[in-house]
Amino acid sequence: GDLDEAIAWLRKAGVASAHKKADRQASDGAVVLAADAAGVACVEVNTETDFVARNTVFQDLAAAVARSCLAMPASSAGAGAGA
């Protein structure tokens, strides 16, 4: 029944879980282009398995990210992790 102890345990478990997953390779995914009259956005979204990469929900997510990037102001271009 100790809330502080429970929070500490959850934090410790979360860090341990994150460390286990840190070495995994996200080598599958999708590269998506979105274009309009103002420009083009190219987005790469990775996942650990080809099963997920082939899923239409994942592909829709990647397309939505590309459309969102295309809608960003030009001053934000190149601000992503791959820039």
Protein backbone atom coordinates (compact mmCIF):
# COMPACT_ATOMS: atom_id res chain seq x y z
CA GLY A 1 0.00 0.00 0.00
CA ASP A 2 2.96 2.45 -0.14
CA LEU A 3 2.36 4.74 -3.13
CA ASP A 4 5.90 6.18 -3.16
CA GLU A 5 7.40 2.69 -3.12
CA ALA A 6 5.12 1.64 -5.97
CA ILE A 7 6.15 4.67 -8.05
CA ALA A 8 9.84 3.94 -7.43
CA TRP A 9 9.33 0.30 -8.47
CA LEU A 10 7.55 1.34 -11.67
CA ARG A 11 10.33 3.79 -12.56
CA LYS A 12 12.99 1.13 -11.96
CA ALA A 13 11.09 -1.46 -14.01
CA GLY A 14 10.58 1.05 -16.83
CA VAL A 15 14.28 1.91 -17.01
CA ALA A 16 15.22 -1.77 -17.02
CA SER A 17 12.73 -2.43 -19.82
CA ALA A 18 14.04 0.50 -21.84
CA HIS A 19 17.63 -0.73 -21.49
CA LYS A 20 16.62 -4.17 -22.79
CA LYS A 21 14.95 -2.63 -25.84
CA ALA A 22 17.74 -0.12 -26.57
CA ASP A 23 19.86 -2.68 -28.42
CA ARG A 24 17.08 -3.78 -30.77
CA GLN A 25 17.36 -2.85 -34.42
CA ALA A 26 14.41 -1.18 -36.11
CA SER A 27 15.46 -2.26 -39.60
CA ASP A 28 12.05 -2.55 -41.26
CA GLY A 29 9.60 0.21 -42.00
CA ALA A 30 8.30 2.53 -44.66
CA VAL A 31 9.54 5.49 -46.67
CA VAL A 32 6.66 7.77 -47.64
CA LEU A 33 6.45 10.85 -49.83
CA ALA A 34 3.82 13.55 -49.56
CA ALA A 35 3.65 16.35 -52.11
CA ASP A 36 1.64 19.44 -52.88
CA ALA A 37 2.17 22.60 -54.91
CA ALA A 38 4.45 24.02 -52.21
CA GLY A 39 6.87 21.13 -51.88
CA VAL A 40 7.64 17.53 -51.00
CA ALA A 41 8.17 15.73 -47.69
CA CYS A 42 10.03 12.42 -47.45
CA VAL A 43 9.64 10.50 -44.18
CA GLU A 44 11.16 7.22 -42.98
CA VAL A 45 9.36 5.47 -40.12
CA ASN A 46 11.05 2.34 -38.74
CA THR A 47 9.85 -0.70 -36.87
CA GLU A 48 11.43 -3.90 -35.59
CA THR A 49 9.49 -6.31 -37.80
CA ASP A 50 8.33 -6.59 -41.39
CA PHE A 51 4.99 -7.81 -40.02
CA VAL A 52 4.33 -4.36 -38.54
CA ALA A 53 5.75 -2.55 -41.57
CA ARG A 54 3.24 -4.30 -43.86
CA ASN A 55 0.30 -3.42 -41.61
CA THR A 56 -2.04 -0.82 -43.11
CA VAL A 57 -2.32 1.01 -39.78
CA PHE A 58 1.48 1.46 -39.72
CA GLN A 59 1.50 2.57 -43.36
CA ASP A 60 -1.32 5.04 -42.67
CA LEU A 61 0.68 6.40 -39.72
CA ALA A 62 3.75 6.92 -41.92
CA ALA A 63 1.63 8.70 -44.54
CA ALA A 64 0.05 10.91 -41.87
CA VAL A 65 3.49 11.86 -40.56
CA ALA A 66 4.61 12.79 -44.08
CA ARG A 67 1.49 14.92 -44.62
CA SER A 68 2.07 16.61 -41.25
CA CYS A 69 5.66 17.40 -42.18
CA LEU A 70 4.50 18.83 -45.49
CA ALA A 71 2.10 21.11 -43.63
CA MET A 72 4.89 22.51 -41.41
CA PRO A 73 6.28 25.97 -42.16
CA ALA A 74 9.43 26.01 -44.29
CA SER A 75 11.47 27.33 -41.34
CA SER A 76 10.91 23.99 -39.59
CA ALA A 77 12.33 21.94 -42.46
CA GLY A 78 15.29 19.80 -41.54
CA ALA A 79 14.53 19.90 -37.82
CA GLY A 80 13.95 16.14 -37.57
CA ALA A 81 16.20 13.44 -36.14
CA GLY A 82 17.73 12.62 -39.51
CA ALA A 83 18.71 16.22 -40.28
